[in-house]
């Protein structure tokens, strides 16, 4: 996460804006990642064969960190490209459709990885690495072909539209940019709080559902509950796809926030696995609505000439959900209760869920009072 954030904010976002690179960043990023995956595997396997187990493990940490630094240029490219080719009216629906495809691919990928892992042989023999490399090269090739087709169409209209676009930017750009900077600043502040609140219980939740005094979920039951979260994400993206253009990104985002605030409150009172799967599925709906509508909201207010840099900041905030929120907030909050105050684990975890809802409520209030209200004033 840190390598990706550094790459986007220190380098790739600035390059994207300065040289107006979108698709080429994706192509280079995906191709570089494919080569890096191969190098990481070869170094890791050679160290394992030499019985240097610690060095082999360290090679994965260092190798994947370097890989993420360069691969993050693709994240910047995708974000800026999506903002470029969509309008305020269509952005939420398009992102929802793409995230639906991504959620479907995620579920298929998890299942395929579990099957190919084969008690560690798929990792040691490189099967998983080679599959990822093939997918990355395929996506880079598809983007390259799409770019060539799009450039042929774009060149025909570029010269005719350039003069009018420059005049419009000169007349309206400075004033709108100042107003949008305030909206974006408050949006990011609110989003930091929201993402921390939503993601800080991810690791705690997985421990909670296994407690003997709680659901005491078995392995297959845990898989059912966690899969329900991903399935909820697919439903959320269908909702954004169909409704964002009709009711607006702000209303869609507020719907996701309301669900995110509510669902953690019910984790502790859930009587059985199926009910928990339903509630956690709704929680998945809330998170993916926030991510999809949040991206669309950011795209509405970020100036075109600063999309690379500002979307890099947005991506960094959303990356807090990868584990940092649980490591920095949720886990310590639960541990302090159990170790320092002697509170039973079940109660400590439920209290952490309540804290999650409170944090989300604070972030939502910031978004409504500051970001959404300011955006309404300048619209």
Protein backbone atom coordinates (compact mmCIF):
# COMPACT_ATOMS: atom_id res chain seq x y z
CA UNK A 1 0.00 0.00 0.00
CA UNK A 2 2.78 2.45 0.94
CA UNK A 3 4.70 1.77 -2.27
CA UNK A 4 1.58 2.31 -4.36
CA UNK A 5 0.73 5.55 -2.54
CA UNK A 6 4.28 6.86 -2.93
CA UNK A 7 4.38 6.02 -6.63
CA UNK A 8 1.06 7.68 -7.39
CA UNK A 9 1.59 10.85 -5.35
CA UNK A 10 5.29 11.47 -5.96
CA UNK A 11 5.58 10.45 -9.59
CA UNK A 12 2.77 9.01 -11.70
CA UNK A 13 0.06 11.57 -10.91
CA UNK A 14 2.37 14.44 -11.86
CA UNK A 15 3.51 12.68 -15.03
CA UNK A 16 -0.10 11.98 -16.01
CA UNK A 17 -1.02 15.66 -15.71
CA UNK A 18 2.12 17.11 -17.26
CA UNK A 19 2.17 14.87 -20.34
CA UNK A 20 -1.60 14.12 -20.43
CA UNK A 21 -0.93 10.37 -20.24
CA UNK A 22 -3.85 8.04 -19.56
CA UNK A 23 -3.98 4.85 -21.62
CA UNK A 24 -0.21 4.69 -22.04
CA UNK A 25 0.24 4.65 -18.26
CA UNK A 26 -2.10 1.67 -18.10
CA UNK A 27 -0.25 -0.19 -20.86
CA UNK A 28 3.19 0.50 -19.37
CA UNK A 29 1.99 -0.24 -15.83
CA UNK A 30 0.39 -3.59 -16.71
CA UNK A 31 3.37 -4.65 -18.83
CA UNK A 32 5.88 -3.63 -16.17
CA UNK A 33 3.90 -5.53 -13.54
CA UNK A 34 3.94 -8.66 -15.71
CA UNK A 35 7.74 -8.51 -16.06
CA UNK A 36 8.13 -7.78 -12.34
CA UNK A 37 5.96 -10.78 -11.38
CA UNK A 38 8.22 -13.03 -13.44
CA UNK A 39 11.39 -11.59 -11.89
CA UNK A 40 10.00 -11.88 -8.36
CA UNK A 41 9.10 -15.53 -8.95
CA UNK A 42 12.50 -16.41 -10.43
CA UNK A 43 14.41 -14.74 -7.58
CA UNK A 44 12.12 -16.31 -4.96
CA UNK A 45 12.44 -19.81 -6.41
CA UNK A 46 16.21 -19.57 -6.77
CA UNK A 47 16.54 -18.57 -3.10
CA UNK A 48 14.25 -21.41 -2.04
CA UNK A 49 16.36 -23.88 -4.02
CA UNK A 50 19.42 -22.53 -2.23
CA UNK A 51 17.71 -23.20 1.15
CA UNK A 52 17.78 -19.47 1.94
CA UNK A 53 14.23 -19.43 3.31
CA UNK A 54 14.42 -16.09 5.12
CA UNK A 55 15.90 -14.37 2.08
CA UNK A 56 13.23 -16.02 -0.10
CA UNK A 57 10.48 -14.57 2.06
CA UNK A 58 12.16 -11.18 2.13
CA UNK A 59 12.44 -11.24 -1.66
CA UNK A 60 8.65 -11.40 -1.89
CA UNK A 61 8.22 -8.39 0.41
CA UNK A 62 10.80 -6.26 -1.39
CA UNK A 63 9.87 -7.51 -4.84
CA UNK A 64 6.15 -6.91 -4.49
CA UNK A 65 6.80 -3.47 -2.97
CA UNK A 66 8.84 -2.46 -6.02
CA UNK A 67 6.22 -4.04 -8.26
CA UNK A 68 3.43 -2.03 -6.58
CA UNK A 69 5.39 1.21 -6.98
CA UNK A 70 5.53 0.82 -10.75
CA UNK A 71 2.17 -0.91 -11.15
CA UNK A 72 0.48 2.04 -9.43
CA UNK A 73 0.92 4.07 -12.62
CA UNK A 74 -1.88 1.90 -13.99
CA UNK A 75 -4.15 2.97 -11.11
CA UNK A 76 -3.56 6.63 -12.00
CA UNK A 77 -4.12 5.90 -15.68
CA UNK A 78 -7.42 4.12 -15.09
CA UNK A 79 -8.80 6.78 -12.76
CA UNK A 80 -7.95 9.69 -15.03
CA UNK A 81 -9.08 7.87 -18.18
CA UNK A 82 -12.48 7.06 -16.67
CA UNK A 83 -12.93 10.68 -15.63
CA UNK A 84 -11.92 11.85 -19.12
CA UNK A 85 -14.32 9.65 -21.08
CA UNK A 86 -17.38 10.11 -18.86
CA UNK A 87 -19.57 13.08 -17.97
CA UNK A 88 -21.05 14.12 -14.64
CA UNK A 89 -24.30 12.47 -15.68
CA UNK A 90 -22.87 9.16 -16.87
CA UNK A 91 -19.83 8.73 -14.58
CA UNK A 92 -21.56 6.94 -11.69
CA UNK A 93 -23.29 4.46 -13.98
CA UNK A 94 -20.17 3.67 -16.00
CA UNK A 95 -18.03 3.16 -12.89
CA UNK A 96 -20.77 1.00 -11.39
CA UNK A 97 -20.80 -1.19 -14.50
CA UNK A 98 -17.01 -1.56 -14.47
CA UNK A 99 -16.93 -2.32 -10.76
CA UNK A 100 -19.62 -4.96 -11.30
CA UNK A 101 -17.35 -6.62 -13.84
CA UNK A 102 -14.47 -6.26 -11.37
CA UNK A 103 -16.48 -7.83 -8.54
CA UNK A 104 -17.39 -10.76 -10.79
CA UNK A 105 -13.75 -11.19 -11.76
CA UNK A 106 -12.69 -10.99 -8.11
CA UNK A 107 -14.98 -13.86 -7.11
CA UNK A 108 -13.83 -15.96 -10.07
CA UNK A 109 -10.20 -15.11 -9.36
CA UNK A 110 -10.42 -16.07 -5.69
CA UNK A 111 -11.96 -19.40 -6.62
CA UNK A 112 -9.37 -20.06 -9.33
CA UNK A 113 -6.49 -19.12 -7.03
CA UNK A 114 -7.78 -21.44 -4.32
CA UNK A 115 -8.00 -24.29 -6.80
CA UNK A 116 -4.59 -23.64 -8.40
CA UNK A 117 -2.83 -23.14 -5.05
CA UNK A 118 -2.95 -26.94 -4.61
CA UNK A 119 -1.38 -27.15 -1.14
CA UNK A 120 1.28 -24.62 -2.05
CA UNK A 121 2.42 -26.29 -5.28
CA UNK A 122 0.75 -23.66 -7.45
CA UNK A 123 2.83 -21.03 -5.70
CA UNK A 124 6.10 -22.95 -5.60
CA UNK A 125 5.90 -24.09 -9.24
CA UNK A 126 4.82 -20.65 -10.44
CA UNK A 127 1.37 -21.55 -11.79
CA UNK A 128 -0.27 -18.64 -9.99
CA UNK A 129 2.47 -16.25 -11.12
CA UNK A 130 2.19 -17.32 -14.75
CA UNK A 131 -1.59 -16.94 -14.70
CA UNK A 132 -1.33 -13.40 -13.37
CA UNK A 133 1.34 -12.56 -15.95
CA UNK A 134 -0.89 -13.83 -18.77
CA UNK A 135 -3.83 -11.75 -17.54
CA UNK A 136 -1.70 -8.61 -17.21
CA UNK A 137 -0.24 -8.96 -20.70
CA UNK A 138 -3.70 -9.63 -22.15
CA UNK A 139 -5.13 -6.50 -20.52
CA UNK A 140 -2.16 -4.42 -21.75
CA UNK A 141 -2.64 -5.74 -25.30
CA UNK A 142 -6.36 -5.00 -25.23
CA UNK A 143 -5.72 -1.45 -24.01
CA UNK A 144 -3.09 -0.95 -26.72
CA UNK A 145 -5.54 -2.02 -29.43
CA UNK A 146 -8.26 0.16 -27.94
CA UNK A 147 -5.88 3.13 -27.80
CA UNK A 148 -4.95 2.80 -31.48
CA UNK A 149 -8.63 2.69 -32.47
CA UNK A 150 -9.55 5.61 -30.22
CA UNK A 151 -6.65 7.78 -31.45
CA UNK A 152 -7.80 7.44 -35.04
CA UNK A 153 -11.25 8.73 -34.12
CA UNK A 154 -9.97 11.39 -31.74
CA UNK A 155 -7.56 13.02 -34.23
CA UNK A 156 -10.46 13.83 -36.57
CA UNK A 157 -12.19 16.07 -34.02
CA UNK A 158 -9.28 17.25 -31.89
CA UNK A 159 -8.29 20.27 -33.96
CA UNK A 160 -11.87 21.50 -34.33
CA UNK A 161 -12.58 21.38 -30.61
CA UNK A 162 -9.25 22.60 -29.22
CA UNK A 163 -9.76 26.34 -29.67
CA UNK A 164 -13.22 26.33 -28.10
CA UNK A 165 -12.06 24.21 -25.20
CA UNK A 166 -9.16 26.55 -24.44
CA UNK A 167 -11.42 29.60 -24.49
CA UNK A 168 -13.87 27.95 -22.13
CA UNK A 169 -11.08 26.94 -19.72
CA UNK A 170 -9.62 30.46 -19.70
CA UNK A 171 -12.97 32.07 -18.97
CA UNK A 172 -14.20 29.75 -16.26
CA UNK A 173 -11.24 27.71 -15.09
CA UNK A 174 -9.71 29.84 -12.34
CA UNK A 175 -12.89 30.60 -10.43
CA UNK A 176 -14.27 27.06 -10.68
CA UNK A 177 -10.93 25.54 -9.70
CA UNK A 178 -10.80 27.54 -6.46
CA UNK A 179 -14.31 26.51 -5.46
CA UNK A 180 -13.73 22.88 -6.38
CA UNK A 181 -10.48 22.81 -4.39
CA UNK A 182 -12.44 23.57 -1.22
CA UNK A 183 -15.03 20.89 -2.02
CA UNK A 184 -12.35 18.31 -2.81
CA UNK A 185 -10.35 19.13 0.32
CA UNK A 186 -13.35 18.56 2.58
CA UNK A 187 -14.40 15.51 0.58
CA UNK A 188 -11.00 13.89 1.14
CA UNK A 189 -11.06 14.73 4.86
CA UNK A 190 -14.53 13.21 5.20
CA UNK A 191 -13.52 10.20 3.09
CA UNK A 192 -10.52 9.45 5.32
CA UNK A 193 -12.84 9.24 8.33
CA UNK A 194 -15.44 7.23 6.40
CA UNK A 195 -12.96 4.67 5.04
CA UNK A 196 -11.34 4.22 8.46
CA UNK A 197 -14.75 3.70 10.03
CA UNK A 198 -15.91 1.25 7.38
CA UNK A 199 -12.69 -0.79 7.13
CA UNK A 200 -11.38 -0.79 10.69
CA UNK A 201 -13.49 -3.81 11.67
CA UNK A 202 -12.58 -6.11 8.78
CA UNK A 203 -10.00 -8.17 10.69
CA UNK A 204 -11.92 -7.96 13.98
CA UNK A 205 -15.06 -9.25 12.25
CA UNK A 206 -13.30 -12.37 11.02
CA UNK A 207 -12.17 -13.14 14.57
CA UNK A 208 -15.60 -12.32 15.97
CA UNK A 209 -17.56 -14.82 13.87
CA UNK A 210 -15.22 -17.63 15.02
CA UNK A 211 -15.67 -17.01 18.75
CA UNK A 212 -17.16 -20.03 20.58
CA UNK A 213 -19.40 -17.71 22.61
CA UNK A 214 -20.70 -16.20 19.37
CA UNK A 215 -21.48 -17.81 16.03
CA UNK A 216 -18.54 -20.25 16.31
CA UNK A 217 -18.52 -20.34 12.51
CA UNK A 218 -16.76 -23.21 10.75
CA UNK A 219 -14.51 -22.75 7.73
CA UNK A 220 -17.30 -23.21 5.15
CA UNK A 221 -19.61 -20.93 7.17
CA UNK A 222 -16.94 -18.24 7.26
CA UNK A 223 -16.56 -18.56 3.50
CA UNK A 224 -20.32 -18.13 3.08
CA UNK A 225 -20.36 -14.95 5.19
CA UNK A 226 -17.33 -13.42 3.48
CA UNK A 227 -18.60 -14.35 0.00
CA UNK A 228 -21.87 -12.61 0.84
CA UNK A 229 -19.87 -9.38 1.23
CA UNK A 230 -18.49 -9.72 -2.31
CA UNK A 231 -21.92 -10.63 -3.65
CA UNK A 232 -23.27 -7.51 -1.96
CA UNK A 233 -20.65 -5.52 -3.83
CA UNK A 234 -21.97 -6.86 -7.12
CA UNK A 235 -25.51 -5.79 -6.20
CA UNK A 236 -24.25 -2.37 -5.14
CA UNK A 237 -22.57 -1.81 -8.48
CA UNK A 238 -25.74 -2.85 -10.30
CA UNK A 239 -27.61 -0.27 -8.21
CA UNK A 240 -25.08 2.44 -9.07
CA UNK A 241 -25.12 1.42 -12.71
CA UNK A 242 -28.89 1.82 -12.97
CA UNK A 243 -29.62 4.65 -10.51
CA UNK A 244 -26.65 7.03 -10.37
CA UNK A 245 -27.64 8.97 -13.48
CA UNK A 246 -31.25 9.29 -12.29
CA UNK A 247 -30.91 10.28 -8.64
CA UNK A 248 -27.38 11.73 -8.62
CA UNK A 249 -24.08 10.66 -7.12
CA UNK A 250 -24.62 12.49 -3.83
CA UNK A 251 -27.90 10.70 -3.07
CA UNK A 252 -26.36 7.35 -4.02
CA UNK A 253 -23.39 8.04 -1.76
CA UNK A 254 -25.68 9.01 1.14
CA UNK A 255 -27.55 5.71 0.69
CA UNK A 256 -24.26 3.81 1.03
CA UNK A 257 -23.28 5.82 4.10
CA UNK A 258 -26.61 5.12 5.80
CA UNK A 259 -26.17 1.37 5.28
CA UNK A 260 -22.53 1.51 6.43
CA UNK A 261 -23.50 3.27 9.67
CA UNK A 262 -26.33 0.86 10.41
CA UNK A 263 -24.96 -2.61 9.67
CA UNK A 264 -22.13 -2.85 12.27
CA UNK A 265 -24.66 -2.21 15.03
CA UNK A 266 -26.37 -5.53 14.23
CA UNK A 267 -23.23 -7.72 14.08
CA UNK A 268 -23.40 -8.49 17.79
CA UNK A 269 -27.09 -9.42 17.88
CA UNK A 270 -27.14 -11.75 14.89
CA UNK A 271 -28.50 -15.18 15.93
CA UNK A 272 -27.19 -17.45 13.14
CA UNK A 273 -24.84 -17.74 10.19
CA UNK A 274 -27.43 -17.09 7.46
CA UNK A 275 -28.60 -13.88 9.11
CA UNK A 276 -25.01 -12.76 9.54
CA UNK A 277 -24.35 -13.49 5.85
CA UNK A 278 -27.34 -11.29 4.96
CA UNK A 279 -26.21 -8.40 7.18
CA UNK A 280 -22.60 -8.65 6.06
CA UNK A 281 -23.80 -8.74 2.46
CA UNK A 282 -25.63 -5.46 3.08
CA UNK A 283 -22.40 -4.13 4.58
CA UNK A 284 -20.67 -5.08 1.33
CA UNK A 285 -23.33 -3.19 -0.58
CA UNK A 286 -22.63 -0.10 1.51
CA UNK A 287 -18.86 -0.21 0.99
CA UNK A 288 -19.05 -0.60 -2.77
CA UNK A 289 -21.66 2.13 -3.09
CA UNK A 290 -19.31 4.44 -1.21
CA UNK A 291 -16.38 3.47 -3.44
CA UNK A 292 -18.31 3.77 -6.71
CA UNK A 293 -20.27 6.93 -5.93
CA UNK A 294 -17.25 8.44 -4.18
CA UNK A 295 -15.16 8.05 -7.34
CA UNK A 296 -17.92 9.64 -9.40
CA UNK A 297 -18.22 12.53 -6.92
CA UNK A 298 -14.45 13.10 -7.08
CA UNK A 299 -14.53 13.01 -10.87
CA UNK A 300 -17.23 15.69 -10.89
CA UNK A 301 -15.12 18.22 -8.97
CA UNK A 302 -11.51 17.48 -9.98
CA UNK A 303 -10.21 19.86 -12.69
CA UNK A 304 -9.18 18.13 -15.89
CA UNK A 305 -5.60 19.42 -15.76
CA UNK A 306 -5.04 18.06 -12.21
CA UNK A 307 -6.76 14.70 -12.41
CA UNK A 308 -3.58 12.68 -12.13
CA UNK A 309 -2.42 14.30 -8.90
CA UNK A 310 -5.80 14.57 -7.22
CA UNK A 311 -6.98 11.07 -8.14
CA UNK A 312 -3.68 9.80 -6.71
CA UNK A 313 -4.74 11.27 -3.37
CA UNK A 314 -8.20 9.72 -3.70
CA UNK A 315 -6.69 6.30 -4.47
CA UNK A 316 -4.42 6.61 -1.44
CA UNK A 317 -7.36 7.30 0.85
CA UNK A 318 -9.31 4.34 -0.52
CA UNK A 319 -6.21 2.14 -0.02
CA UNK A 320 -6.68 2.56 3.75
CA UNK A 321 -9.33 -0.17 3.39
CA UNK A 322 -6.64 -2.70 2.36
CA UNK A 323 -5.68 -3.30 5.99
CA UNK A 324 -4.23 -0.10 7.39
CA UNK A 325 -7.52 0.92 9.02
CA UNK A 326 -7.75 -2.36 10.90
CA UNK A 327 -4.08 -2.33 11.84
CA UNK A 328 -4.12 1.26 13.10
CA UNK A 329 -7.64 1.59 14.57
CA UNK A 330 -9.85 -1.51 14.83
CA UNK A 331 -7.27 -4.00 16.07
CA UNK A 332 -5.71 -1.73 18.73
CA UNK A 333 -9.15 -0.64 19.93
CA UNK A 334 -10.19 -4.26 20.50
CA UNK A 335 -6.83 -5.20 22.06
CA UNK A 336 -6.86 -2.31 24.52
CA UNK A 337 -10.24 -3.46 25.82
CA UNK A 338 -9.23 -7.10 26.25
CA UNK A 339 -5.66 -6.65 27.52
CA UNK A 340 -5.84 -3.40 29.49
CA UNK A 341 -9.38 -3.48 30.83
CA UNK A 342 -10.06 -7.22 30.96
CA UNK A 343 -13.19 -6.99 28.84
CA UNK A 344 -14.20 -10.35 27.30
CA UNK A 345 -13.36 -10.70 23.62
CA UNK A 346 -16.99 -10.87 22.48
CA UNK A 347 -17.88 -7.61 24.23
CA UNK A 348 -14.69 -5.90 23.06
CA UNK A 349 -15.38 -6.80 19.45
CA UNK A 350 -19.00 -5.62 19.65
CA UNK A 351 -17.81 -2.33 21.17
CA UNK A 352 -15.42 -1.99 18.23
CA UNK A 353 -18.35 -2.41 15.86
CA UNK A 354 -20.19 0.38 17.68
CA UNK A 355 -17.09 2.55 17.39
CA UNK A 356 -17.06 1.86 13.65
CA UNK A 357 -20.60 3.19 13.33
CA UNK A 358 -19.73 6.30 15.34
CA UNK A 359 -16.66 7.01 13.17
CA UNK A 360 -18.78 6.56 10.06
CA UNK A 361 -21.41 8.91 11.45
CA UNK A 362 -18.77 11.61 12.03
CA UNK A 363 -17.38 11.17 8.51
CA UNK A 364 -20.86 11.30 6.99
CA UNK A 365 -21.67 14.49 8.89
CA UNK A 366 -18.47 16.08 7.56
CA UNK A 367 -19.37 15.05 4.03
CA UNK A 368 -22.92 16.42 4.24
CA UNK A 369 -22.11 19.67 6.02
CA UNK A 370 -18.94 20.53 4.12
CA UNK A 371 -18.39 18.70 0.82
CA UNK A 372 -21.96 18.10 -0.36
CA UNK A 373 -23.21 21.53 0.74
CA UNK A 374 -20.29 23.36 -0.89
CA UNK A 375 -20.79 21.40 -4.12
CA UNK A 376 -24.47 22.33 -4.14
CA UNK A 377 -23.61 26.02 -3.76
CA UNK A 378 -21.21 26.09 -6.73
CA UNK A 379 -23.31 23.88 -9.02
